[in-house]
Amino acid sequence: MRILMSLVAGSLFGAGLFVSGMNDTTKVQGWLDVFGAWDPTLAFVMGGAIIPMFFAWRLTHGRKPLVGGDFPAPTAPVVGHRLVIGSVMFGMGWGLAGLCPGPAIASLSYGGVGGLVFLAAMLAGMGAARFIDVRLDRLAATA
């Protein structure tokens, strides 16, 4: 049952990305171009995801997921060098490529060579992040 629910949720997520245009690199780059030919339509996509999830998380208090397990407990927000550097790198990659991990994986079935190059670069970046993280920890400890 859990695998079926995961398949349904992932399919719905992928369909939403496709219908909303979040996997269209020119649309995403138009959203990020606030000082040029800005395309505000993705703001509605983000609002359409964030607003319902705000209420959905509020409704999970004291409940169990339908497929078993537990909902994750909220964590205390910590703004540190890892979050800031990771956010900047994510934003730079999103702006340059016009894709983030979810839409990139969803577009693998039709993205051609560009989608595969992005996936390879994303995996290389994820691998390099471990080494960068260790160096940043050393720098933070000496500062």
C-alpha atoms as a PDB file:
ATOM      1  CA  MET A   1       0.000   0.000   0.000  1.00  0.00           C
ATOM      2  CA  ARG A   2       2.851   2.354   0.848  1.00  0.00           C
ATOM      3  CA  ILE A   3       4.487   1.827  -2.568  1.00  0.00           C
ATOM      4  CA  LEU A   4       1.167   2.446  -4.318  1.00  0.00           C
ATOM      5  CA  MET A   5       0.609   5.675  -2.379  1.00  0.00           C
ATOM      6  CA  SER A   6       4.170   6.766  -3.218  1.00  0.00           C
ATOM      7  CA  LEU A   7       3.540   6.060  -6.897  1.00  0.00           C
ATOM      8  CA  VAL A   8       0.288   8.043  -6.845  1.00  0.00           C
ATOM      9  CA  ALA A   9       1.867  10.972  -4.968  1.00  0.00           C
ATOM     10  CA  GLY A  10       4.933  11.044  -7.232  1.00  0.00           C
ATOM     11  CA  SER A  11       2.802  10.850 -10.359  1.00  0.00           C
ATOM     12  CA  LEU A  12       0.576  13.657  -9.121  1.00  0.00           C
ATOM     13  CA  PHE A  13       3.658  15.742  -8.282  1.00  0.00           C
ATOM     14  CA  GLY A  14       5.187  15.131 -11.728  1.00  0.00           C
ATOM     15  CA  ALA A  15       1.912  15.947 -13.472  1.00  0.00           C
ATOM     16  CA  GLY A  16       1.630  19.150 -11.447  1.00  0.00           C
ATOM     17  CA  LEU A  17       5.151  20.172 -12.448  1.00  0.00           C
ATOM     18  CA  PHE A  18       4.354  19.503 -16.100  1.00  0.00           C
ATOM     19  CA  VAL A  19       0.981  21.300 -16.123  1.00  0.00           C
ATOM     20  CA  SER A  20       2.331  24.309 -14.201  1.00  0.00           C
ATOM     21  CA  GLY A  21       5.352  24.726 -16.465  1.00  0.00           C
ATOM     22  CA  MET A  22       7.902  24.317 -13.645  1.00  0.00           C
ATOM     23  CA  ASN A  23       9.883  21.970 -15.883  1.00  0.00           C
ATOM     24  CA  ASP A  24      10.072  24.555 -18.702  1.00  0.00           C
ATOM     25  CA  THR A  25      13.478  26.169 -18.258  1.00  0.00           C
ATOM     26  CA  THR A  26      12.519  29.376 -20.081  1.00  0.00           C
ATOM     27  CA  LYS A  27       9.466  29.847 -17.842  1.00  0.00           C
ATOM     28  CA  VAL A  28      11.536  29.326 -14.693  1.00  0.00           C
ATOM     29  CA  GLN A  29      14.254  31.704 -15.880  1.00  0.00           C
ATOM     30  CA  GLY A  30      11.519  34.233 -16.743  1.00  0.00           C
ATOM     31  CA  TRP A  31      10.267  33.949 -13.136  1.00  0.00           C
ATOM     32  CA  LEU A  32      13.775  34.610 -11.826  1.00  0.00           C
ATOM     33  CA  ASP A  33      14.380  37.592 -14.163  1.00  0.00           C
ATOM     34  CA  VAL A  34      12.781  40.212 -11.874  1.00  0.00           C
ATOM     35  CA  PHE A  35      14.618  43.133 -13.509  1.00  0.00           C
ATOM     36  CA  GLY A  36      13.920  42.043 -17.103  1.00  0.00           C
ATOM     37  CA  ALA A  37      11.030  40.213 -18.732  1.00  0.00           C
ATOM     38  CA  TRP A  38       9.609  38.929 -15.450  1.00  0.00           C
ATOM     39  CA  ASP A  39       6.963  36.176 -15.675  1.00  0.00           C
ATOM     40  CA  PRO A  40       4.968  36.132 -12.399  1.00  0.00           C
ATOM     41  CA  THR A  41       2.896  33.021 -13.179  1.00  0.00           C
ATOM     42  CA  LEU A  42       5.063  30.672 -11.111  1.00  0.00           C
ATOM     43  CA  ALA A  43       4.167  32.703  -8.017  1.00  0.00           C
ATOM     44  CA  PHE A  44       0.671  31.237  -8.353  1.00  0.00           C
ATOM     45  CA  VAL A  45       2.154  27.746  -8.651  1.00  0.00           C
ATOM     46  CA  MET A  46       4.191  28.256  -5.489  1.00  0.00           C
ATOM     47  CA  GLY A  47       1.228  29.755  -3.645  1.00  0.00           C
ATOM     48  CA  GLY A  48      -0.920  26.869  -4.837  1.00  0.00           C
ATOM     49  CA  ALA A  49       1.546  24.494  -3.174  1.00  0.00           C
ATOM     50  CA  ILE A  50       2.544  26.414  -0.050  1.00  0.00           C
ATOM     51  CA  ILE A  51      -0.889  27.552   1.139  1.00  0.00           C
ATOM     52  CA  PRO A  52      -2.589  24.111   1.154  1.00  0.00           C
ATOM     53  CA  MET A  53       0.495  22.507   2.735  1.00  0.00           C
ATOM     54  CA  PHE A  54       0.422  25.066   5.547  1.00  0.00           C
ATOM     55  CA  PHE A  55      -3.052  23.879   6.484  1.00  0.00           C
ATOM     56  CA  ALA A  56      -2.268  20.210   5.817  1.00  0.00           C
ATOM     57  CA  TRP A  57       0.644  20.277   8.297  1.00  0.00           C
ATOM     58  CA  ARG A  58      -1.600  21.939  10.870  1.00  0.00           C
ATOM     59  CA  LEU A  59      -4.087  19.076  10.488  1.00  0.00           C
ATOM     60  CA  THR A  60      -1.450  16.372  11.087  1.00  0.00           C
ATOM     61  CA  HIS A  61      -1.105  17.205  14.793  1.00  0.00           C
ATOM     62  CA  GLY A  62      -2.134  14.132  16.799  1.00  0.00           C
ATOM     63  CA  ARG A  63      -2.826  12.020  13.705  1.00  0.00           C
ATOM     64  CA  LYS A  64      -1.124   9.105  11.978  1.00  0.00           C
ATOM     65  CA  PRO A  65      -0.400   8.765   8.242  1.00  0.00           C
ATOM     66  CA  LEU A  66      -2.776   6.460   6.359  1.00  0.00           C
ATOM     67  CA  VAL A  67       0.084   4.200   5.251  1.00  0.00           C
ATOM     68  CA  GLY A  68       1.739   3.850   8.660  1.00  0.00           C
ATOM     69  CA  GLY A  69       4.676   5.408  10.404  1.00  0.00           C
ATOM     70  CA  ASP A  70       4.645   8.861  11.952  1.00  0.00           C
ATOM     71  CA  PHE A  71       4.648  12.383  10.625  1.00  0.00           C
ATOM     72  CA  PRO A  72       8.055  14.013  11.126  1.00  0.00           C
ATOM     73  CA  ALA A  73       8.345  16.245  14.162  1.00  0.00           C
ATOM     74  CA  PRO A  74       9.015  19.907  13.450  1.00  0.00           C
ATOM     75  CA  THR A  75      12.584  20.980  13.965  1.00  0.00           C
ATOM     76  CA  ALA A  76      13.867  24.252  15.335  1.00  0.00           C
ATOM     77  CA  PRO A  77      14.945  26.532  12.486  1.00  0.00           C
ATOM     78  CA  VAL A  78      18.689  27.047  12.446  1.00  0.00           C
ATOM     79  CA  VAL A  79      20.171  29.610  10.077  1.00  0.00           C
ATOM     80  CA  GLY A  80      23.854  28.843   9.762  1.00  0.00           C
ATOM     81  CA  HIS A  81      26.567  28.793   7.147  1.00  0.00           C
ATOM     82  CA  ARG A  82      25.346  25.479   5.712  1.00  0.00           C
ATOM     83  CA  LEU A  83      21.850  26.819   5.058  1.00  0.00           C
ATOM     84  CA  VAL A  84      23.060  30.105   3.590  1.00  0.00           C
ATOM     85  CA  ILE A  85      25.716  28.597   1.316  1.00  0.00           C
ATOM     86  CA  GLY A  86      23.433  25.762   0.254  1.00  0.00           C
ATOM     87  CA  SER A  87      20.609  28.186  -0.532  1.00  0.00           C
ATOM     88  CA  VAL A  88      22.890  30.416  -2.576  1.00  0.00           C
ATOM     89  CA  MET A  89      24.258  27.456  -4.536  1.00  0.00           C
ATOM     90  CA  PHE A  90      20.771  26.038  -5.099  1.00  0.00           C
ATOM     91  CA  GLY A  91      19.553  29.426  -6.333  1.00  0.00           C
ATOM     92  CA  MET A  92      22.515  29.887  -8.647  1.00  0.00           C
ATOM     93  CA  GLY A  93      22.007  26.441 -10.143  1.00  0.00           C
ATOM     94  CA  TRP A  94      18.280  27.015 -10.500  1.00  0.00           C
ATOM     95  CA  GLY A  95      18.856  30.342 -12.237  1.00  0.00           C
ATOM     96  CA  LEU A  96      21.567  29.058 -14.566  1.00  0.00           C
ATOM     97  CA  ALA A  97      19.903  25.793 -15.561  1.00  0.00           C
ATOM     98  CA  GLY A  98      16.262  26.751 -15.088  1.00  0.00           C
ATOM     99  CA  LEU A  99      15.629  23.480 -13.260  1.00  0.00           C
ATOM    100  CA  CYS A 100      15.661  22.270  -9.690  1.00  0.00           C
ATOM    101  CA  PRO A 101      15.866  18.592  -8.670  1.00  0.00           C
ATOM    102  CA  GLY A 102      12.136  17.758  -8.766  1.00  0.00           C
ATOM    103  CA  PRO A 103      11.394  19.098 -12.252  1.00  0.00           C
ATOM    104  CA  ALA A 104      14.771  17.859 -13.510  1.00  0.00           C
ATOM    105  CA  ILE A 105      13.957  14.290 -12.548  1.00  0.00           C
ATOM    106  CA  ALA A 106      10.419  14.652 -13.919  1.00  0.00           C
ATOM    107  CA  SER A 107      11.814  15.894 -17.240  1.00  0.00           C
ATOM    108  CA  LEU A 108      14.236  12.975 -17.686  1.00  0.00           C
ATOM    109  CA  SER A 109      11.664  11.117 -19.748  1.00  0.00           C
ATOM    110  CA  TYR A 110      11.533  13.857 -22.400  1.00  0.00           C
ATOM    111  CA  GLY A 111      14.386  16.276 -21.600  1.00  0.00           C
ATOM    112  CA  GLY A 112      16.876  14.708 -23.960  1.00  0.00           C
ATOM    113  CA  VAL A 113      20.593  15.065 -23.407  1.00  0.00           C
ATOM    114  CA  GLY A 114      20.176  18.339 -21.482  1.00  0.00           C
ATOM    115  CA  GLY A 115      18.208  16.586 -18.748  1.00  0.00           C
ATOM    116  CA  LEU A 116      20.855  13.891 -18.430  1.00  0.00           C
ATOM    117  CA  VAL A 117      23.647  16.480 -18.260  1.00  0.00           C
ATOM    118  CA  PHE A 118      21.758  18.327 -15.536  1.00  0.00           C
ATOM    119  CA  LEU A 119      21.234  15.090 -13.582  1.00  0.00           C
ATOM    120  CA  ALA A 120      24.941  14.226 -13.846  1.00  0.00           C
ATOM    121  CA  ALA A 121      25.922  17.729 -12.698  1.00  0.00           C
ATOM    122  CA  MET A 122      23.415  17.572  -9.832  1.00  0.00           C
ATOM    123  CA  LEU A 123      24.766  14.215  -8.647  1.00  0.00           C
ATOM    124  CA  ALA A 124      28.355  15.498  -8.903  1.00  0.00           C
ATOM    125  CA  GLY A 125      27.392  18.552  -6.852  1.00  0.00           C
ATOM    126  CA  MET A 126      25.738  16.379  -4.225  1.00  0.00           C
ATOM    127  CA  GLY A 127      28.909  14.290  -4.009  1.00  0.00           C
ATOM    128  CA  ALA A 128      31.130  17.379  -3.799  1.00  0.00           C
ATOM    129  CA  ALA A 129      28.928  18.839  -1.050  1.00  0.00           C
ATOM    130  CA  ARG A 130      30.292  16.331   1.477  1.00  0.00           C
ATOM    131  CA  PHE A 131      33.870  17.457   0.868  1.00  0.00           C
ATOM    132  CA  ILE A 132      32.910  21.135   0.889  1.00  0.00           C
ATOM    133  CA  ASP A 133      30.939  20.646   4.099  1.00  0.00           C
ATOM    134  CA  VAL A 134      33.963  19.163   5.901  1.00  0.00           C
ATOM    135  CA  ARG A 135      36.140  22.097   4.823  1.00  0.00           C
ATOM    136  CA  LEU A 136      33.512  24.638   5.925  1.00  0.00           C
ATOM    137  CA  ASP A 137      33.253  22.920   9.319  1.00  0.00           C
ATOM    138  CA  ARG A 138      37.027  23.198   9.712  1.00  0.00           C
ATOM    139  CA  LEU A 139      36.947  26.883   8.758  1.00  0.00           C
ATOM    140  CA  ALA A 140      34.067  27.571  11.149  1.00  0.00           C
ATOM    141  CA  ALA A 141      35.896  25.799  13.992  1.00  0.00           C
ATOM    142  CA  THR A 142      39.043  27.898  13.508  1.00  0.00           C
ATOM    143  CA  ALA A 143      37.162  31.196  13.224  1.00  0.00           C
END
